[in-house]
């Protein structure tokens, strides 16, 4: 079980369980395995510098941070890495990365 799924099952409202998080942007695993950054950093897929809400958030985030005002709970398929948020189309898409067994 991944930390994302654990947080999802425990109804935690943090960046990891937000539908807009992009955990693959800084992935250091090969071949699209479950995302892992050297320092756990991810990207907020809807951060807009011109519309900064003053919550002390930025484009680069920690998945462990408490949810901000833009938080929207991820889908169960996102919790299992079957779907991901695509910031280019601003939509949820099927995960194009190869997934290793969880």
PDB file of N, CA and C in Angstrom:
ATOM      1  N   UNK A   1       0.852  -1.177   0.000  1.00  0.00           N
ATOM      2  CA  UNK A   1       0.000   0.000   0.000  1.00  0.00           C
ATOM      3  C   UNK A   1       0.896   1.238   0.000  1.00  0.00           C
ATOM      4  N   UNK A   2       0.541   2.213  -0.803  1.00  0.00           N
ATOM      5  CA  UNK A   2       1.310   3.450  -0.878  1.00  0.00           C
ATOM      6  C   UNK A   2       0.861   4.420   0.218  1.00  0.00           C
ATOM      7  N   UNK A   3       1.708   5.422   0.505  1.00  0.00           N
ATOM      8  CA  UNK A   3       1.324   6.459   1.469  1.00  0.00           C
ATOM      9  C   UNK A   3       0.113   7.228   0.977  1.00  0.00           C
ATOM     10  N   UNK A   4       0.032   7.418  -0.335  1.00  0.00           N
ATOM     11  CA  UNK A   4      -1.109   8.123  -0.913  1.00  0.00           C
ATOM     12  C   UNK A   4      -2.402   7.374  -0.588  1.00  0.00           C
ATOM     13  N   UNK A   5      -2.407   6.069  -0.808  1.00  0.00           N
ATOM     14  CA  UNK A   5      -3.602   5.265  -0.530  1.00  0.00           C
ATOM     15  C   UNK A   5      -3.906   5.248   0.968  1.00  0.00           C
ATOM     16  N   UNK A   6      -2.889   5.153   1.805  1.00  0.00           N
ATOM     17  CA  UNK A   6      -3.084   5.162   3.254  1.00  0.00           C
ATOM     18  C   UNK A   6      -3.724   6.472   3.710  1.00  0.00           C
ATOM     19  N   UNK A   7      -3.188   7.595   3.222  1.00  0.00           N
ATOM     20  CA  UNK A   7      -3.772   8.900   3.573  1.00  0.00           C
ATOM     21  C   UNK A   7      -5.191   9.027   3.033  1.00  0.00           C
ATOM     22  N   UNK A   8      -5.434   8.513   1.839  1.00  0.00           N
ATOM     23  CA  UNK A   8      -6.767   8.541   1.244  1.00  0.00           C
ATOM     24  C   UNK A   8      -7.745   7.745   2.110  1.00  0.00           C
ATOM     25  N   UNK A   9      -7.353   6.538   2.497  1.00  0.00           N
ATOM     26  CA  UNK A   9      -8.212   5.683   3.322  1.00  0.00           C
ATOM     27  C   UNK A   9      -8.482   6.281   4.693  1.00  0.00           C
ATOM     28  N   UNK A  10      -7.519   7.062   5.210  1.00  0.00           N
ATOM     29  CA  UNK A  10      -7.674   7.698   6.524  1.00  0.00           C
ATOM     30  C   UNK A  10      -8.273   9.097   6.432  1.00  0.00           C
ATOM     31  N   UNK A  11      -8.753   9.461   5.246  1.00  0.00           N
ATOM     32  CA  UNK A  11      -9.408  10.759   5.016  1.00  0.00           C
ATOM     33  C   UNK A  11      -8.551  11.953   5.419  1.00  0.00           C
ATOM     34  N   UNK A  12      -7.247  11.859   5.214  1.00  0.00           N
ATOM     35  CA  UNK A  12      -6.362  12.986   5.513  1.00  0.00           C
ATOM     36  C   UNK A  12      -6.475  14.023   4.410  1.00  0.00           C
ATOM     37  N   UNK A  13      -6.588  15.257   4.804  1.00  0.00           N
ATOM     38  CA  UNK A  13      -6.630  16.355   3.838  1.00  0.00           C
ATOM     39  C   UNK A  13      -5.257  17.000   3.786  1.00  0.00           C
ATOM     40  N   UNK A  14      -4.426  16.478   2.895  1.00  0.00           N
ATOM     41  CA  UNK A  14      -3.098  17.026   2.676  1.00  0.00           C
ATOM     42  C   UNK A  14      -2.854  17.081   1.172  1.00  0.00           C
ATOM     43  N   UNK A  15      -1.727  17.632   0.786  1.00  0.00           N
ATOM     44  CA  UNK A  15      -1.434  17.758  -0.648  1.00  0.00           C
ATOM     45  C   UNK A  15      -1.428  16.399  -1.340  1.00  0.00           C
ATOM     46  N   UNK A  16      -0.987  15.361  -0.636  1.00  0.00           N
ATOM     47  CA  UNK A  16      -0.910  14.031  -1.233  1.00  0.00           C
ATOM     48  C   UNK A  16      -2.275  13.523  -1.696  1.00  0.00           C
ATOM     49  N   UNK A  17      -3.334  13.883  -0.989  1.00  0.00           N
ATOM     50  CA  UNK A  17      -4.671  13.408  -1.349  1.00  0.00           C
ATOM     51  C   UNK A  17      -5.458  14.445  -2.145  1.00  0.00           C
ATOM     52  N   UNK A  18      -4.789  15.472  -2.626  1.00  0.00           N
ATOM     53  CA  UNK A  18      -5.440  16.484  -3.457  1.00  0.00           C
ATOM     54  C   UNK A  18      -5.413  16.028  -4.915  1.00  0.00           C
ATOM     55  N   UNK A  19      -6.492  16.247  -5.625  1.00  0.00           N
ATOM     56  CA  UNK A  19      -6.549  15.799  -7.019  1.00  0.00           C
ATOM     57  C   UNK A  19      -5.592  16.566  -7.924  1.00  0.00           C
ATOM     58  N   UNK A  20      -5.095  17.728  -7.487  1.00  0.00           N
ATOM     59  CA  UNK A  20      -4.269  18.583  -8.338  1.00  0.00           C
ATOM     60  C   UNK A  20      -2.766  18.354  -8.194  1.00  0.00           C
ATOM     61  N   UNK A  21      -2.345  17.466  -7.312  1.00  0.00           N
ATOM     62  CA  UNK A  21      -0.922  17.252  -7.096  1.00  0.00           C
ATOM     63  C   UNK A  21      -0.296  16.525  -8.297  1.00  0.00           C
ATOM     64  N   UNK A  22       0.914  16.929  -8.649  1.00  0.00           N
ATOM     65  CA  UNK A  22       1.674  16.274  -9.712  1.00  0.00           C
ATOM     66  C   UNK A  22       2.913  15.666  -9.076  1.00  0.00           C
ATOM     67  N   UNK A  23       2.819  14.413  -8.720  1.00  0.00           N
ATOM     68  CA  UNK A  23       3.932  13.739  -8.051  1.00  0.00           C
ATOM     69  C   UNK A  23       4.981  13.211  -9.029  1.00  0.00           C
ATOM     70  N   UNK A  24       4.648  13.131 -10.299  1.00  0.00           N
ATOM     71  CA  UNK A  24       5.584  12.607 -11.291  1.00  0.00           C
ATOM     72  C   UNK A  24       6.554  13.662 -11.812  1.00  0.00           C
ATOM     73  N   UNK A  25       6.271  14.935 -11.617  1.00  0.00           N
ATOM     74  CA  UNK A  25       7.110  15.987 -12.187  1.00  0.00           C
ATOM     75  C   UNK A  25       8.553  15.922 -11.705  1.00  0.00           C
ATOM     76  N   UNK A  26       8.779  15.479 -10.482  1.00  0.00           N
ATOM     77  CA  UNK A  26      10.130  15.401  -9.930  1.00  0.00           C
ATOM     78  C   UNK A  26      10.495  13.960  -9.564  1.00  0.00           C
ATOM     79  N   UNK A  27       9.883  13.009 -10.222  1.00  0.00           N
ATOM     80  CA  UNK A  27      10.086  11.600  -9.919  1.00  0.00           C
ATOM     81  C   UNK A  27      11.519  11.176 -10.232  1.00  0.00           C
ATOM     82  N   UNK A  28      12.158  10.497  -9.294  1.00  0.00           N
ATOM     83  CA  UNK A  28      13.518  10.008  -9.510  1.00  0.00           C
ATOM     84  C   UNK A  28      13.547   8.502  -9.738  1.00  0.00           C
ATOM     85  N   UNK A  29      12.380   7.842  -9.632  1.00  0.00           N
ATOM     86  CA  UNK A  29      12.316   6.415  -9.962  1.00  0.00           C
ATOM     87  C   UNK A  29      12.352   6.250 -11.471  1.00  0.00           C
ATOM     88  N   UNK A  30      12.838   5.112 -11.909  1.00  0.00           N
ATOM     89  CA  UNK A  30      12.874   4.808 -13.338  1.00  0.00           C
ATOM     90  C   UNK A  30      11.536   4.259 -13.803  1.00  0.00           C
ATOM     91  N   UNK A  31      11.240   4.452 -15.050  1.00  0.00           N
ATOM     92  CA  UNK A  31      10.111   3.839 -15.721  1.00  0.00           C
ATOM     93  C   UNK A  31       8.759   4.137 -15.091  1.00  0.00           C
ATOM     94  N   UNK A  32       8.609   5.301 -14.462  1.00  0.00           N
ATOM     95  CA  UNK A  32       7.309   5.725 -13.987  1.00  0.00           C
ATOM     96  C   UNK A  32       6.785   5.024 -12.756  1.00  0.00           C
ATOM     97  N   UNK A  33       7.667   4.368 -12.009  1.00  0.00           N
ATOM     98  CA  UNK A  33       7.214   3.708 -10.797  1.00  0.00           C
ATOM     99  C   UNK A  33       6.565   4.725  -9.865  1.00  0.00           C
ATOM    100  N   UNK A  34       5.965   4.238  -8.791  1.00  0.00           N
ATOM    101  CA  UNK A  34       5.323   5.135  -7.839  1.00  0.00           C
ATOM    102  C   UNK A  34       6.290   6.276  -7.537  1.00  0.00           C
ATOM    103  N   UNK A  35       5.834   7.516  -7.628  1.00  0.00           N
ATOM    104  CA  UNK A  35       6.727   8.669  -7.509  1.00  0.00           C
ATOM    105  C   UNK A  35       7.527   8.723  -6.213  1.00  0.00           C
ATOM    106  N   UNK A  36       8.785   9.085  -6.351  1.00  0.00           N
ATOM    107  CA  UNK A  36       9.671   9.279  -5.218  1.00  0.00           C
ATOM    108  C   UNK A  36      10.671  10.355  -5.600  1.00  0.00           C
ATOM    109  N   UNK A  37      10.651  11.469  -4.893  1.00  0.00           N
ATOM    110  CA  UNK A  37      11.628  12.522  -5.114  1.00  0.00           C
ATOM    111  C   UNK A  37      12.721  12.416  -4.064  1.00  0.00           C
ATOM    112  N   UNK A  38      13.863  12.989  -4.318  1.00  0.00           N
ATOM    113  CA  UNK A  38      14.945  12.932  -3.338  1.00  0.00           C
ATOM    114  C   UNK A  38      14.527  13.538  -2.014  1.00  0.00           C
ATOM    115  N   UNK A  39      13.721  14.582  -2.055  1.00  0.00           N
ATOM    116  CA  UNK A  39      13.272  15.219  -0.813  1.00  0.00           C
ATOM    117  C   UNK A  39      11.751  15.161  -0.666  1.00  0.00           C
ATOM    118  N   UNK A  40      11.089  14.356  -1.478  1.00  0.00           N
ATOM    119  CA  UNK A  40       9.646  14.209  -1.378  1.00  0.00           C
ATOM    120  C   UNK A  40       8.852  15.335  -2.011  1.00  0.00           C
ATOM    121  N   UNK A  41       9.513  16.184  -2.785  1.00  0.00           N
ATOM    122  CA  UNK A  41       8.852  17.333  -3.377  1.00  0.00           C
ATOM    123  C   UNK A  41       7.939  16.916  -4.522  1.00  0.00           C
ATOM    124  N   UNK A  42       6.821  17.629  -4.656  1.00  0.00           N
ATOM    125  CA  UNK A  42       5.893  17.449  -5.766  1.00  0.00           C
ATOM    126  C   UNK A  42       5.548  18.840  -6.299  1.00  0.00           C
ATOM    127  N   UNK A  43       4.628  18.890  -7.246  1.00  0.00           N
ATOM    128  CA  UNK A  43       4.226  20.167  -7.838  1.00  0.00           C
ATOM    129  C   UNK A  43       2.716  20.324  -7.696  1.00  0.00           C
ATOM    130  N   UNK A  44       2.300  21.539  -7.370  1.00  0.00           N
ATOM    131  CA  UNK A  44       0.876  21.862  -7.349  1.00  0.00           C
ATOM    132  C   UNK A  44       0.461  22.153  -8.782  1.00  0.00           C
ATOM    133  N   UNK A  45      -0.439  21.344  -9.312  1.00  0.00           N
ATOM    134  CA  UNK A  45      -0.834  21.459 -10.699  1.00  0.00           C
ATOM    135  C   UNK A  45      -1.688  22.662 -11.027  1.00  0.00           C
ATOM    136  N   UNK A  46      -2.206  23.361 -10.005  1.00  0.00           N
ATOM    137  CA  UNK A  46      -3.052  24.527 -10.276  1.00  0.00           C
ATOM    138  C   UNK A  46      -2.499  25.812  -9.662  1.00  0.00           C
ATOM    139  N   UNK A  47      -1.248  25.773  -9.172  1.00  0.00           N
ATOM    140  CA  UNK A  47      -0.666  26.990  -8.624  1.00  0.00           C
ATOM    141  C   UNK A  47      -0.557  28.042  -9.718  1.00  0.00           C
ATOM    142  N   UNK A  48      -0.964  29.247  -9.402  1.00  0.00           N
ATOM    143  CA  UNK A  48      -0.899  30.362 -10.346  1.00  0.00           C
ATOM    144  C   UNK A  48      -0.226  31.527  -9.636  1.00  0.00           C
ATOM    145  N   UNK A  49       0.988  31.855 -10.061  1.00  0.00           N
ATOM    146  CA  UNK A  49       1.768  32.903  -9.413  1.00  0.00           C
ATOM    147  C   UNK A  49       1.024  34.239  -9.396  1.00  0.00           C
ATOM    148  N   UNK A  50       0.286  34.521 -10.448  1.00  0.00           N
ATOM    149  CA  UNK A  50      -0.437  35.787 -10.524  1.00  0.00           C
ATOM    150  C   UNK A  50      -1.670  35.814  -9.635  1.00  0.00           C
ATOM    151  N   UNK A  51      -2.135  34.650  -9.227  1.00  0.00           N
ATOM    152  CA  UNK A  51      -3.303  34.566  -8.355  1.00  0.00           C
ATOM    153  C   UNK A  51      -2.923  33.945  -7.019  1.00  0.00           C
ATOM    154  N   UNK A  52      -1.722  34.230  -6.534  1.00  0.00           N
ATOM    155  CA  UNK A  52      -1.238  33.689  -5.270  1.00  0.00           C
ATOM    156  C   UNK A  52      -2.230  34.051  -4.169  1.00  0.00           C
ATOM    157  N   UNK A  53      -2.672  33.038  -3.433  1.00  0.00           N
ATOM    158  CA  UNK A  53      -3.692  33.263  -2.403  1.00  0.00           C
ATOM    159  C   UNK A  53      -3.112  33.660  -1.048  1.00  0.00           C
ATOM    160  N   UNK A  54      -1.799  33.794  -0.962  1.00  0.00           N
ATOM    161  CA  UNK A  54      -1.177  34.237   0.278  1.00  0.00           C
ATOM    162  C   UNK A  54      -1.092  33.170   1.353  1.00  0.00           C
ATOM    163  N   UNK A  55      -1.322  31.917   1.012  1.00  0.00           N
ATOM    164  CA  UNK A  55      -1.271  30.843   1.998  1.00  0.00           C
ATOM    165  C   UNK A  55       0.146  30.317   2.201  1.00  0.00           C
ATOM    166  N   UNK A  56       1.119  30.979   1.621  1.00  0.00           N
ATOM    167  CA  UNK A  56       2.499  30.541   1.770  1.00  0.00           C
ATOM    168  C   UNK A  56       2.824  29.326   0.919  1.00  0.00           C
ATOM    169  N   UNK A  57       2.022  29.084  -0.106  1.00  0.00           N
ATOM    170  CA  UNK A  57       2.254  27.955  -0.998  1.00  0.00           C
ATOM    171  C   UNK A  57       2.940  28.449  -2.255  1.00  0.00           C
ATOM    172  N   UNK A  58       3.526  27.526  -2.950  1.00  0.00           N
ATOM    173  CA  UNK A  58       4.215  27.847  -4.187  1.00  0.00           C
ATOM    174  C   UNK A  58       3.982  26.698  -5.149  1.00  0.00           C
ATOM    175  N   UNK A  59       4.645  26.743  -6.265  1.00  0.00           N
ATOM    176  CA  UNK A  59       4.518  25.701  -7.265  1.00  0.00           C
ATOM    177  C   UNK A  59       5.051  24.375  -6.729  1.00  0.00           C
ATOM    178  N   UNK A  60       6.222  24.411  -6.060  1.00  0.00           N
ATOM    179  CA  UNK A  60       6.803  23.222  -5.450  1.00  0.00           C
ATOM    180  C   UNK A  60       6.239  23.061  -4.051  1.00  0.00           C
ATOM    181  N   UNK A  61       5.754  21.852  -3.764  1.00  0.00           N
ATOM    182  CA  UNK A  61       5.097  21.588  -2.487  1.00  0.00           C
ATOM    183  C   UNK A  61       5.581  20.274  -1.893  1.00  0.00           C
ATOM    184  N   UNK A  62       5.230  20.073  -0.647  1.00  0.00           N
ATOM    185  CA  UNK A  62       5.438  18.786  -0.001  1.00  0.00           C
ATOM    186  C   UNK A  62       4.109  18.057   0.031  1.00  0.00           C
ATOM    187  N   UNK A  63       4.072  16.791  -0.342  1.00  0.00           N
ATOM    188  CA  UNK A  63       2.821  16.039  -0.263  1.00  0.00           C
ATOM    189  C   UNK A  63       2.266  15.943   1.154  1.00  0.00           C
ATOM    190  N   UNK A  64       3.102  16.196   2.151  1.00  0.00           N
ATOM    191  CA  UNK A  64       2.668  16.096   3.549  1.00  0.00           C
ATOM    192  C   UNK A  64       1.999  17.367   4.065  1.00  0.00           C
ATOM    193  N   UNK A  65       2.063  18.456   3.305  1.00  0.00           N
ATOM    194  CA  UNK A  65       1.480  19.705   3.784  1.00  0.00           C
ATOM    195  C   UNK A  65      -0.024  19.585   3.958  1.00  0.00           C
ATOM    196  N   UNK A  66      -0.524  20.295   4.947  1.00  0.00           N
ATOM    197  CA  UNK A  66      -1.961  20.357   5.172  1.00  0.00           C
ATOM    198  C   UNK A  66      -2.634  21.008   3.962  1.00  0.00           C
ATOM    199  N   UNK A  67      -3.831  20.571   3.665  1.00  0.00           N
ATOM    200  CA  UNK A  67      -4.558  21.055   2.485  1.00  0.00           C
ATOM    201  C   UNK A  67      -4.758  22.566   2.525  1.00  0.00           C
ATOM    202  N   UNK A  68      -4.667  23.190   1.367  1.00  0.00           N
ATOM    203  CA  UNK A  68      -4.915  24.629   1.250  1.00  0.00           C
ATOM    204  C   UNK A  68      -6.366  24.856   0.823  1.00  0.00           C
ATOM    205  N   UNK A  69      -6.719  26.095   0.576  1.00  0.00           N
ATOM    206  CA  UNK A  69      -8.102  26.434   0.224  1.00  0.00           C
ATOM    207  C   UNK A  69      -8.521  25.904  -1.153  1.00  0.00           C
ATOM    208  N   UNK A  70      -7.548  25.505  -1.986  1.00  0.00           N
ATOM    209  CA  UNK A  70      -7.868  24.977  -3.319  1.00  0.00           C
ATOM    210  C   UNK A  70      -8.018  23.451  -3.326  1.00  0.00           C
ATOM    211  N   UNK A  71      -7.888  22.853  -2.145  1.00  0.00           N
ATOM    212  CA  UNK A  71      -7.925  21.396  -2.027  1.00  0.00           C
ATOM    213  C   UNK A  71      -9.221  20.806  -2.558  1.00  0.00           C
ATOM    214  N   UNK A  72      -9.068  19.745  -3.316  1.00  0.00           N
ATOM    215  CA  UNK A  72     -10.194  18.938  -3.761  1.00  0.00           C
ATOM    216  C   UNK A  72      -9.725  17.490  -3.670  1.00  0.00           C
ATOM    217  N   UNK A  73     -10.456  16.672  -2.960  1.00  0.00           N
ATOM    218  CA  UNK A  73     -10.052  15.288  -2.712  1.00  0.00           C
ATOM    219  C   UNK A  73      -9.850  14.533  -4.021  1.00  0.00           C
ATOM    220  N   UNK A  74      -8.776  13.753  -4.066  1.00  0.00           N
ATOM    221  CA  UNK A  74      -8.481  12.963  -5.254  1.00  0.00           C
ATOM    222  C   UNK A  74      -9.478  11.815  -5.384  1.00  0.00           C
ATOM    223  N   UNK A  75      -9.523  11.243  -6.556  1.00  0.00           N
ATOM    224  CA  UNK A  75     -10.399  10.100  -6.793  1.00  0.00           C
ATOM    225  C   UNK A  75      -9.725   8.833  -6.262  1.00  0.00           C
ATOM    226  N   UNK A  76     -10.497   7.787  -6.119  1.00  0.00           N
ATOM    227  CA  UNK A  76      -9.929   6.516  -5.671  1.00  0.00           C
ATOM    228  C   UNK A  76      -8.910   5.997  -6.684  1.00  0.00           C
ATOM    229  N   UNK A  77      -9.169   6.213  -7.968  1.00  0.00           N
ATOM    230  CA  UNK A  77      -8.206   5.807  -8.998  1.00  0.00           C
ATOM    231  C   UNK A  77      -6.906   6.605  -8.893  1.00  0.00           C
ATOM    232  N   UNK A  78      -6.997   7.875  -8.515  1.00  0.00           N
ATOM    233  CA  UNK A  78      -5.779   8.661  -8.292  1.00  0.00           C
ATOM    234  C   UNK A  78      -5.035   8.131  -7.069  1.00  0.00           C
ATOM    235  N   UNK A  79      -5.763   7.745  -6.036  1.00  0.00           N
ATOM    236  CA  UNK A  79      -5.137   7.206  -4.826  1.00  0.00           C
ATOM    237  C   UNK A  79      -4.332   5.949  -5.131  1.00  0.00           C
ATOM    238  N   UNK A  80      -4.718   5.233  -6.164  1.00  0.00           N
ATOM    239  CA  UNK A  80      -4.002   4.021  -6.583  1.00  0.00           C
ATOM    240  C   UNK A  80      -3.072   4.267  -7.765  1.00  0.00           C
ATOM    241  N   UNK A  81      -2.863   5.528  -8.136  1.00  0.00           N
ATOM    242  CA  UNK A  81      -1.989   5.938  -9.242  1.00  0.00           C
ATOM    243  C   UNK A  81      -2.460   5.420 -10.602  1.00  0.00           C
ATOM    244  N   UNK A  82      -3.724   5.053 -10.715  1.00  0.00           N
ATOM    245  CA  UNK A  82      -4.254   4.621 -12.006  1.00  0.00           C
ATOM    246  C   UNK A  82      -4.578   5.822 -12.886  1.00  0.00           C
ATOM    247  N   UNK A  83      -4.930   6.937 -12.241  1.00  0.00           N
ATOM    248  CA  UNK A  83      -5.174   8.206 -12.929  1.00  0.00           C
ATOM    249  C   UNK A  83      -4.285   9.262 -12.294  1.00  0.00           C
ATOM    250  N   UNK A  84      -3.968  10.304 -13.066  1.00  0.00           N
ATOM    251  CA  UNK A  84      -3.189  11.431 -12.544  1.00  0.00           C
ATOM    252  C   UNK A  84      -3.798  12.732 -13.056  1.00  0.00           C
ATOM    253  N   UNK A  85      -3.446  13.836 -12.397  1.00  0.00           N
ATOM    254  CA  UNK A  85      -3.872  15.154 -12.851  1.00  0.00           C
ATOM    255  C   UNK A  85      -2.912  15.621 -13.937  1.00  0.00           C
ATOM    256  N   UNK A  86      -3.466  16.082 -15.042  1.00  0.00           N
ATOM    257  CA  UNK A  86      -2.665  16.604 -16.150  1.00  0.00           C
ATOM    258  C   UNK A  86      -2.818  18.119 -16.182  1.00  0.00           C
ATOM    259  N   UNK A  87      -1.786  18.873 -15.760  1.00  0.00           N
ATOM    260  CA  UNK A  87      -1.900  20.337 -15.723  1.00  0.00           C
ATOM    261  C   UNK A  87      -2.028  20.973 -17.103  1.00  0.00           C
ATOM    262  N   UNK A  88      -1.585  20.291 -18.141  1.00  0.00           N
ATOM    263  CA  UNK A  88      -1.692  20.852 -19.494  1.00  0.00           C
ATOM    264  C   UNK A  88      -3.140  20.908 -19.969  1.00  0.00           C
ATOM    265  N   UNK A  89      -3.899  19.865 -19.659  1.00  0.00           N
ATOM    266  CA  UNK A  89      -5.309  19.837 -20.060  1.00  0.00           C
ATOM    267  C   UNK A  89      -6.244  20.196 -18.913  1.00  0.00           C
ATOM    268  N   UNK A  90      -5.654  20.354 -17.717  1.00  0.00           N
ATOM    269  CA  UNK A  90      -6.421  20.688 -16.516  1.00  0.00           C
ATOM    270  C   UNK A  90      -7.515  19.648 -16.251  1.00  0.00           C
ATOM    271  N   UNK A  91      -7.131  18.368 -16.423  1.00  0.00           N
ATOM    272  CA  UNK A  91      -8.098  17.294 -16.236  1.00  0.00           C
ATOM    273  C   UNK A  91      -7.407  16.044 -15.675  1.00  0.00           C
ATOM    274  N   UNK A  92      -8.232  15.100 -15.243  1.00  0.00           N
ATOM    275  CA  UNK A  92      -7.730  13.819 -14.762  1.00  0.00           C
ATOM    276  C   UNK A  92      -7.626  12.885 -15.967  1.00  0.00           C
ATOM    277  N   UNK A  93      -6.446  12.265 -16.122  1.00  0.00           N
ATOM    278  CA  UNK A  93      -6.229  11.347 -17.246  1.00  0.00           C
ATOM    279  C   UNK A  93      -5.712  10.013 -16.715  1.00  0.00           C
ATOM    280  N   UNK A  94      -5.791   8.998 -17.550  1.00  0.00           N
ATOM    281  CA  UNK A  94      -5.216   7.706 -17.188  1.00  0.00           C
ATOM    282  C   UNK A  94      -3.706   7.871 -17.077  1.00  0.00           C
ATOM    283  N   UNK A  95      -3.128   7.277 -16.064  1.00  0.00           N
ATOM    284  CA  UNK A  95      -1.690   7.388 -15.829  1.00  0.00           C
ATOM    285  C   UNK A  95      -0.918   6.761 -16.983  1.00  0.00           C
ATOM    286  N   UNK A  96      -0.120   7.551 -17.718  1.00  0.00           N
ATOM    287  CA  UNK A  96       0.625   7.017 -18.861  1.00  0.00           C
ATOM    288  C   UNK A  96       1.920   6.309 -18.444  1.00  0.00           C
ATOM    289  N   UNK A  97       2.280   6.390 -17.165  1.00  0.00           N
ATOM    290  CA  UNK A  97       3.518   5.780 -16.681  1.00  0.00           C
ATOM    291  C   UNK A  97       3.310   4.303 -16.360  1.00  0.00           C
ATOM    292  N   UNK A  98       4.349   3.546 -16.520  1.00  0.00           N
ATOM    293  CA  UNK A  98       4.303   2.132 -16.148  1.00  0.00           C
ATOM    294  C   UNK A  98       4.242   2.052 -14.618  1.00  0.00           C
ATOM    295  N   UNK A  99       3.331   1.281 -14.102  1.00  0.00           N
ATOM    296  CA  UNK A  99       3.195   1.150 -12.652  1.00  0.00           C
ATOM    297  C   UNK A  99       3.774  -0.151 -12.164  1.00  0.00           C
ATOM    298  N   UNK A 100       4.570  -0.058 -11.100  1.00  0.00           N
ATOM    299  CA  UNK A 100       5.041  -1.277 -10.453  1.00  0.00           C
ATOM    300  C   UNK A 100       3.950  -1.723  -9.472  1.00  0.00           C
ATOM    301  N   UNK A 101       3.924  -2.990  -9.122  1.00  0.00           N
ATOM    302  CA  UNK A 101       2.910  -3.445  -8.150  1.00  0.00           C
ATOM    303  C   UNK A 101       3.035  -2.672  -6.838  1.00  0.00           C
ATOM    304  N   UNK A 102       1.917  -2.306  -6.271  1.00  0.00           N
ATOM    305  CA  UNK A 102       1.941  -1.533  -5.019  1.00  0.00           C
ATOM    306  C   UNK A 102       2.139  -2.452  -3.838  1.00  0.00           C
TER     307      UNK A 102
END
